[in-house]
Amino acid sequence: MRTTIELPDDLLARAKSNAALSGVSLKEFFIEAVEQKLAPRQAKTRRPPPAIGSAKARRIGVLKPEQLDEAFFG
């Protein structure tokens, strides 16, 4: 399907440059860009904090993820 869109000159120039550097056509570049923008976002997975000290050491004062969030982000 064909369509017409208006883009700022500097944006089009950057898109053309990026497409050329990537070795793809401008059409392919825009298809990839739109597909990436419309792709469903994957939820970020929370990793446990790294262990500090010996793995055999007794653990004290271990914070829950919610407590860490509160401490860092208020």
PDB file of N, CA and C in Angstrom:
ATOM      1  N   MET A   1       0.842  -1.171   0.000  1.00  0.00           N
ATOM      2  CA  MET A   1       0.000   0.000   0.000  1.00  0.00           C
ATOM      3  C   MET A   1       0.892   1.241   0.000  1.00  0.00           C
ATOM      4  N   ARG A   2       0.498   2.206  -0.725  1.00  0.00           N
ATOM      5  CA  ARG A   2       1.241   3.461  -0.753  1.00  0.00           C
ATOM      6  C   ARG A   2       0.540   4.484   0.129  1.00  0.00           C
ATOM      7  N   THR A   3       1.340   5.324   0.745  1.00  0.00           N
ATOM      8  CA  THR A   3       0.794   6.421   1.534  1.00  0.00           C
ATOM      9  C   THR A   3       1.783   7.580   1.492  1.00  0.00           C
ATOM     10  N   THR A   4       1.319   8.737   1.842  1.00  0.00           N
ATOM     11  CA  THR A   4       2.171   9.927   1.858  1.00  0.00           C
ATOM     12  C   THR A   4       2.202  10.458   3.278  1.00  0.00           C
ATOM     13  N   ILE A   5       3.400  10.736   3.768  1.00  0.00           N
ATOM     14  CA  ILE A   5       3.536  11.358   5.079  1.00  0.00           C
ATOM     15  C   ILE A   5       4.498  12.531   4.946  1.00  0.00           C
ATOM     16  N   GLU A   6       4.334  13.500   5.810  1.00  0.00           N
ATOM     17  CA  GLU A   6       5.232  14.647   5.826  1.00  0.00           C
ATOM     18  C   GLU A   6       6.175  14.497   7.001  1.00  0.00           C
ATOM     19  N   LEU A   7       7.455  14.607   6.730  1.00  0.00           N
ATOM     20  CA  LEU A   7       8.478  14.506   7.767  1.00  0.00           C
ATOM     21  C   LEU A   7       9.328  15.770   7.750  1.00  0.00           C
ATOM     22  N   PRO A   8       9.820  16.182   8.904  1.00  0.00           N
ATOM     23  CA  PRO A   8      10.762  17.301   8.918  1.00  0.00           C
ATOM     24  C   PRO A   8      11.997  16.936   8.089  1.00  0.00           C
ATOM     25  N   ASP A   9      12.550  17.916   7.397  1.00  0.00           N
ATOM     26  CA  ASP A   9      13.698  17.680   6.506  1.00  0.00           C
ATOM     27  C   ASP A   9      14.860  16.997   7.217  1.00  0.00           C
ATOM     28  N   ASP A  10      15.177  17.460   8.447  1.00  0.00           N
ATOM     29  CA  ASP A  10      16.316  16.873   9.153  1.00  0.00           C
ATOM     30  C   ASP A  10      16.055  15.419   9.538  1.00  0.00           C
ATOM     31  N   LEU A  11      14.812  15.076   9.874  1.00  0.00           N
ATOM     32  CA  LEU A  11      14.475  13.698  10.216  1.00  0.00           C
ATOM     33  C   LEU A  11      14.607  12.793   8.997  1.00  0.00           C
ATOM     34  N   LEU A  12      14.123  13.236   7.862  1.00  0.00           N
ATOM     35  CA  LEU A  12      14.240  12.453   6.636  1.00  0.00           C
ATOM     36  C   LEU A  12      15.704  12.266   6.244  1.00  0.00           C
ATOM     37  N   ALA A  13      16.500  13.302   6.397  1.00  0.00           N
ATOM     38  CA  ALA A  13      17.928  13.204   6.066  1.00  0.00           C
ATOM     39  C   ALA A  13      18.615  12.184   6.975  1.00  0.00           C
ATOM     40  N   ARG A  14      18.281  12.195   8.271  1.00  0.00           N
ATOM     41  CA  ARG A  14      18.870  11.223   9.200  1.00  0.00           C
ATOM     42  C   ARG A  14      18.422   9.815   8.862  1.00  0.00           C
ATOM     43  N   ALA A  15      17.149   9.658   8.492  1.00  0.00           N
ATOM     44  CA  ALA A  15      16.638   8.331   8.122  1.00  0.00           C
ATOM     45  C   ALA A  15      17.349   7.810   6.882  1.00  0.00           C
ATOM     46  N   LYS A  16      17.504   8.662   5.877  1.00  0.00           N
ATOM     47  CA  LYS A  16      18.211   8.254   4.653  1.00  0.00           C
ATOM     48  C   LYS A  16      19.644   7.852   4.959  1.00  0.00           C
ATOM     49  N   SER A  17      20.304   8.628   5.799  1.00  0.00           N
ATOM     50  CA  SER A  17      21.683   8.349   6.160  1.00  0.00           C
ATOM     51  C   SER A  17      21.794   7.016   6.903  1.00  0.00           C
ATOM     52  N   ASN A  18      20.914   6.814   7.880  1.00  0.00           N
ATOM     53  CA  ASN A  18      20.926   5.566   8.647  1.00  0.00           C
ATOM     54  C   ASN A  18      20.635   4.376   7.761  1.00  0.00           C
ATOM     55  N   ALA A  19      19.687   4.512   6.855  1.00  0.00           N
ATOM     56  CA  ALA A  19      19.353   3.416   5.936  1.00  0.00           C
ATOM     57  C   ALA A  19      20.562   3.072   5.075  1.00  0.00           C
ATOM     58  N   ALA A  20      21.217   4.094   4.537  1.00  0.00           N
ATOM     59  CA  ALA A  20      22.386   3.863   3.681  1.00  0.00           C
ATOM     60  C   ALA A  20      23.515   3.181   4.457  1.00  0.00           C
ATOM     61  N   LEU A  21      23.757   3.655   5.670  1.00  0.00           N
ATOM     62  CA  LEU A  21      24.811   3.055   6.493  1.00  0.00           C
ATOM     63  C   LEU A  21      24.489   1.610   6.864  1.00  0.00           C
ATOM     64  N   SER A  22      23.196   1.307   6.993  1.00  0.00           N
ATOM     65  CA  SER A  22      22.768  -0.055   7.333  1.00  0.00           C
ATOM     66  C   SER A  22      22.663  -0.955   6.110  1.00  0.00           C
ATOM     67  N   GLY A  23      22.755  -0.359   4.929  1.00  0.00           N
ATOM     68  CA  GLY A  23      22.679  -1.134   3.699  1.00  0.00           C
ATOM     69  C   GLY A  23      21.270  -1.594   3.349  1.00  0.00           C
ATOM     70  N   VAL A  24      20.267  -0.823   3.774  1.00  0.00           N
ATOM     71  CA  VAL A  24      18.881  -1.162   3.443  1.00  0.00           C
ATOM     72  C   VAL A  24      18.242   0.013   2.722  1.00  0.00           C
ATOM     73  N   SER A  25      17.150  -0.276   2.033  1.00  0.00           N
ATOM     74  CA  SER A  25      16.433   0.806   1.351  1.00  0.00           C
ATOM     75  C   SER A  25      15.698   1.652   2.380  1.00  0.00           C
ATOM     76  N   LEU A  26      15.302   2.842   1.987  1.00  0.00           N
ATOM     77  CA  LEU A  26      14.554   3.721   2.878  1.00  0.00           C
ATOM     78  C   LEU A  26      13.222   3.072   3.256  1.00  0.00           C
ATOM     79  N   LYS A  27      12.616   2.379   2.300  1.00  0.00           N
ATOM     80  CA  LYS A  27      11.364   1.669   2.573  1.00  0.00           C
ATOM     81  C   LYS A  27      11.582   0.622   3.664  1.00  0.00           C
ATOM     82  N   GLU A  28      12.637  -0.194   3.523  1.00  0.00           N
ATOM     83  CA  GLU A  28      12.932  -1.224   4.530  1.00  0.00           C
ATOM     84  C   GLU A  28      13.231  -0.594   5.887  1.00  0.00           C
ATOM     85  N   PHE A  29      13.939   0.528   5.865  1.00  0.00           N
ATOM     86  CA  PHE A  29      14.272   1.224   7.101  1.00  0.00           C
ATOM     87  C   PHE A  29      13.011   1.643   7.844  1.00  0.00           C
ATOM     88  N   PHE A  30      12.061   2.251   7.120  1.00  0.00           N
ATOM     89  CA  PHE A  30      10.827   2.702   7.756  1.00  0.00           C
ATOM     90  C   PHE A  30       9.960   1.538   8.208  1.00  0.00           C
ATOM     91  N   ILE A  31       9.937   0.442   7.447  1.00  0.00           N
ATOM     92  CA  ILE A  31       9.171  -0.732   7.869  1.00  0.00           C
ATOM     93  C   ILE A  31       9.719  -1.260   9.192  1.00  0.00           C
ATOM     94  N   GLU A  32      11.042  -1.392   9.283  1.00  0.00           N
ATOM     95  CA  GLU A  32      11.667  -1.859  10.524  1.00  0.00           C
ATOM     96  C   GLU A  32      11.356  -0.921  11.684  1.00  0.00           C
ATOM     97  N   ALA A  33      11.460   0.380  11.436  1.00  0.00           N
ATOM     98  CA  ALA A  33      11.231   1.356  12.498  1.00  0.00           C
ATOM     99  C   ALA A  33       9.797   1.289  13.015  1.00  0.00           C
ATOM    100  N   VAL A  34       8.838   1.185  12.116  1.00  0.00           N
ATOM    101  CA  VAL A  34       7.436   1.124  12.528  1.00  0.00           C
ATOM    102  C   VAL A  34       7.149  -0.193  13.237  1.00  0.00           C
ATOM    103  N   GLU A  35       7.714  -1.296  12.732  1.00  0.00           N
ATOM    104  CA  GLU A  35       7.513  -2.588  13.386  1.00  0.00           C
ATOM    105  C   GLU A  35       8.076  -2.581  14.808  1.00  0.00           C
ATOM    106  N   GLN A  36       9.247  -1.982  14.992  1.00  0.00           N
ATOM    107  CA  GLN A  36       9.830  -1.904  16.332  1.00  0.00           C
ATOM    108  C   GLN A  36       8.959  -1.082  17.265  1.00  0.00           C
ATOM    109  N   LYS A  37       8.437   0.018  16.755  1.00  0.00           N
ATOM    110  CA  LYS A  37       7.607   0.894  17.584  1.00  0.00           C
ATOM    111  C   LYS A  37       6.302   0.217  17.976  1.00  0.00           C
ATOM    112  N   LEU A  38       5.758  -0.622  17.091  1.00  0.00           N
ATOM    113  CA  LEU A  38       4.476  -1.268  17.350  1.00  0.00           C
ATOM    114  C   LEU A  38       4.607  -2.618  18.050  1.00  0.00           C
ATOM    115  N   ALA A  39       5.820  -3.115  18.216  1.00  0.00           N
ATOM    116  CA  ALA A  39       6.027  -4.414  18.866  1.00  0.00           C
ATOM    117  C   ALA A  39       5.598  -4.325  20.327  1.00  0.00           C
ATOM    118  N   PRO A  40       5.003  -5.395  20.830  1.00  0.00           N
ATOM    119  CA  PRO A  40       4.617  -5.365  22.256  1.00  0.00           C
ATOM    120  C   PRO A  40       5.858  -5.271  23.133  1.00  0.00           C
ATOM    121  N   ARG A  41       5.741  -4.484  24.170  1.00  0.00           N
ATOM    122  CA  ARG A  41       6.869  -4.303  25.081  1.00  0.00           C
ATOM    123  C   ARG A  41       6.944  -5.492  26.026  1.00  0.00           C
ATOM    124  N   GLN A  42       8.145  -5.960  26.232  1.00  0.00           N
ATOM    125  CA  GLN A  42       8.344  -7.064  27.162  1.00  0.00           C
ATOM    126  C   GLN A  42       8.546  -6.505  28.557  1.00  0.00           C
ATOM    127  N   ALA A  43       7.908  -7.151  29.513  1.00  0.00           N
ATOM    128  CA  ALA A  43       8.052  -6.713  30.897  1.00  0.00           C
ATOM    129  C   ALA A  43       9.486  -6.937  31.347  1.00  0.00           C
ATOM    130  N   LYS A  44      10.012  -5.981  32.059  1.00  0.00           N
ATOM    131  CA  LYS A  44      11.360  -6.122  32.594  1.00  0.00           C
ATOM    132  C   LYS A  44      11.309  -7.085  33.767  1.00  0.00           C
ATOM    133  N   THR A  45      12.262  -7.971  33.811  1.00  0.00           N
ATOM    134  CA  THR A  45      12.312  -8.915  34.914  1.00  0.00           C
ATOM    135  C   THR A  45      13.270  -8.395  35.972  1.00  0.00           C
ATOM    136  N   ARG A  46      12.860  -8.541  37.192  1.00  0.00           N
ATOM    137  CA  ARG A  46      13.685  -8.076  38.306  1.00  0.00           C
ATOM    138  C   ARG A  46      14.639  -9.197  38.695  1.00  0.00           C
ATOM    139  N   ARG A  47      15.906  -8.875  38.707  1.00  0.00           N
ATOM    140  CA  ARG A  47      16.912  -9.830  39.156  1.00  0.00           C
ATOM    141  C   ARG A  47      17.184  -9.576  40.628  1.00  0.00           C
ATOM    142  N   PRO A  48      17.496 -10.616  41.365  1.00  0.00           N
ATOM    143  CA  PRO A  48      17.824 -10.394  42.781  1.00  0.00           C
ATOM    144  C   PRO A  48      19.126  -9.609  42.885  1.00  0.00           C
ATOM    145  N   PRO A  49      19.278  -8.855  43.956  1.00  0.00           N
ATOM    146  CA  PRO A  49      20.525  -8.102  44.125  1.00  0.00           C
ATOM    147  C   PRO A  49      21.698  -9.060  44.268  1.00  0.00           C
ATOM    148  N   PRO A  50      22.875  -8.643  43.860  1.00  0.00           N
ATOM    149  CA  PRO A  50      24.034  -9.532  43.967  1.00  0.00           C
ATOM    150  C   PRO A  50      24.378  -9.807  45.428  1.00  0.00           C
ATOM    151  N   ALA A  51      24.887 -10.991  45.653  1.00  0.00           N
ATOM    152  CA  ALA A  51      25.310 -11.346  47.003  1.00  0.00           C
ATOM    153  C   ALA A  51      26.611 -10.623  47.318  1.00  0.00           C
ATOM    154  N   ILE A  52      26.705 -10.134  48.521  1.00  0.00           N
ATOM    155  CA  ILE A  52      27.914  -9.441  48.959  1.00  0.00           C
ATOM    156  C   ILE A  52      28.538 -10.272  50.062  1.00  0.00           C
ATOM    157  N   GLY A  53      29.793 -10.600  49.918  1.00  0.00           N
ATOM    158  CA  GLY A  53      30.471 -11.396  50.923  1.00  0.00           C
ATOM    159  C   GLY A  53      30.374 -12.875  50.603  1.00  0.00           C
ATOM    160  N   SER A  54      30.654 -13.680  51.565  1.00  0.00           N
ATOM    161  CA  SER A  54      30.669 -15.125  51.403  1.00  0.00           C
ATOM    162  C   SER A  54      29.255 -15.666  51.256  1.00  0.00           C
ATOM    163  N   ALA A  55      29.091 -16.627  50.357  1.00  0.00           N
ATOM    164  CA  ALA A  55      27.777 -17.245  50.168  1.00  0.00           C
ATOM    165  C   ALA A  55      27.371 -18.031  51.404  1.00  0.00           C
ATOM    166  N   LYS A  56      28.337 -18.433  52.222  1.00  0.00           N
ATOM    167  CA  LYS A  56      28.043 -19.215  53.427  1.00  0.00           C
ATOM    168  C   LYS A  56      27.792 -18.331  54.651  1.00  0.00           C
ATOM    169  N   ALA A  57      28.038 -17.055  54.502  1.00  0.00           N
ATOM    170  CA  ALA A  57      27.851 -16.157  55.643  1.00  0.00           C
ATOM    171  C   ALA A  57      26.366 -16.024  55.977  1.00  0.00           C
ATOM    172  N   ARG A  58      26.114 -15.793  57.256  1.00  0.00           N
ATOM    173  CA  ARG A  58      24.749 -15.623  57.714  1.00  0.00           C
ATOM    174  C   ARG A  58      24.177 -14.333  57.117  1.00  0.00           C
ATOM    175  N   ARG A  59      22.969 -14.386  56.631  1.00  0.00           N
ATOM    176  CA  ARG A  59      22.325 -13.219  56.028  1.00  0.00           C
ATOM    177  C   ARG A  59      21.587 -12.424  57.101  1.00  0.00           C
ATOM    178  N   ILE A  60      21.843 -11.139  57.130  1.00  0.00           N
ATOM    179  CA  ILE A  60      21.114 -10.276  58.053  1.00  0.00           C
ATOM    180  C   ILE A  60      20.640  -9.055  57.291  1.00  0.00           C
ATOM    181  N   GLY A  61      19.533  -8.546  57.676  1.00  0.00           N
ATOM    182  CA  GLY A  61      19.025  -7.313  57.090  1.00  0.00           C
ATOM    183  C   GLY A  61      18.728  -7.400  55.603  1.00  0.00           C
ATOM    184  N   VAL A  62      18.225  -8.537  55.134  1.00  0.00           N
ATOM    185  CA  VAL A  62      17.903  -8.683  53.719  1.00  0.00           C
ATOM    186  C   VAL A  62      16.623  -7.917  53.433  1.00  0.00           C
ATOM    187  N   LEU A  63      16.679  -7.051  52.443  1.00  0.00           N
ATOM    188  CA  LEU A  63      15.513  -6.253  52.090  1.00  0.00           C
ATOM    189  C   LEU A  63      14.711  -6.920  50.994  1.00  0.00           C
ATOM    190  N   LYS A  64      13.405  -6.751  51.054  1.00  0.00           N
ATOM    191  CA  LYS A  64      12.513  -7.255  50.011  1.00  0.00           C
ATOM    192  C   LYS A  64      12.558  -6.282  48.831  1.00  0.00           C
ATOM    193  N   PRO A  65      12.218  -6.754  47.623  1.00  0.00           N
ATOM    194  CA  PRO A  65      12.229  -5.856  46.453  1.00  0.00           C
ATOM    195  C   PRO A  65      11.399  -4.586  46.669  1.00  0.00           C
ATOM    196  N   GLU A  66      10.267  -4.713  47.357  1.00  0.00           N
ATOM    197  CA  GLU A  66       9.424  -3.536  47.604  1.00  0.00           C
ATOM    198  C   GLU A  66      10.142  -2.521  48.498  1.00  0.00           C
ATOM    199  N   GLN A  67      10.921  -3.035  49.468  1.00  0.00           N
ATOM    200  CA  GLN A  67      11.662  -2.153  50.357  1.00  0.00           C
ATOM    201  C   GLN A  67      12.792  -1.445  49.605  1.00  0.00           C
ATOM    202  N   LEU A  68      13.438  -2.175  48.694  1.00  0.00           N
ATOM    203  CA  LEU A  68      14.470  -1.550  47.872  1.00  0.00           C
ATOM    204  C   LEU A  68      13.881  -0.449  47.006  1.00  0.00           C
ATOM    205  N   ASP A  69      12.735  -0.739  46.373  1.00  0.00           N
ATOM    206  CA  ASP A  69      12.070   0.280  45.550  1.00  0.00           C
ATOM    207  C   ASP A  69      11.760   1.515  46.367  1.00  0.00           C
ATOM    208  N   GLU A  70      11.247   1.308  47.571  1.00  0.00           N
ATOM    209  CA  GLU A  70      10.899   2.428  48.434  1.00  0.00           C
ATOM    210  C   GLU A  70      12.147   3.230  48.814  1.00  0.00           C
ATOM    211  N   ALA A  71      13.237   2.517  49.120  1.00  0.00           N
ATOM    212  CA  ALA A  71      14.480   3.187  49.499  1.00  0.00           C
ATOM    213  C   ALA A  71      15.067   4.004  48.355  1.00  0.00           C
ATOM    214  N   PHE A  72      14.995   3.437  47.140  1.00  0.00           N
ATOM    215  CA  PHE A  72      15.596   4.118  45.980  1.00  0.00           C
ATOM    216  C   PHE A  72      14.689   5.175  45.379  1.00  0.00           C
ATOM    217  N   PHE A  73      13.396   4.893  45.298  1.00  0.00           N
ATOM    218  CA  PHE A  73      12.496   5.750  44.528  1.00  0.00           C
ATOM    219  C   PHE A  73      11.471   6.507  45.368  1.00  0.00           C
ATOM    220  N   GLY A  74      11.450   6.248  46.654  1.00  0.00           N
ATOM    221  CA  GLY A  74      10.561   6.999  47.541  1.00  0.00           C
ATOM    222  C   GLY A  74       9.137   6.603  47.549  1.00  0.00           C
TER     223      GLY A  74
END
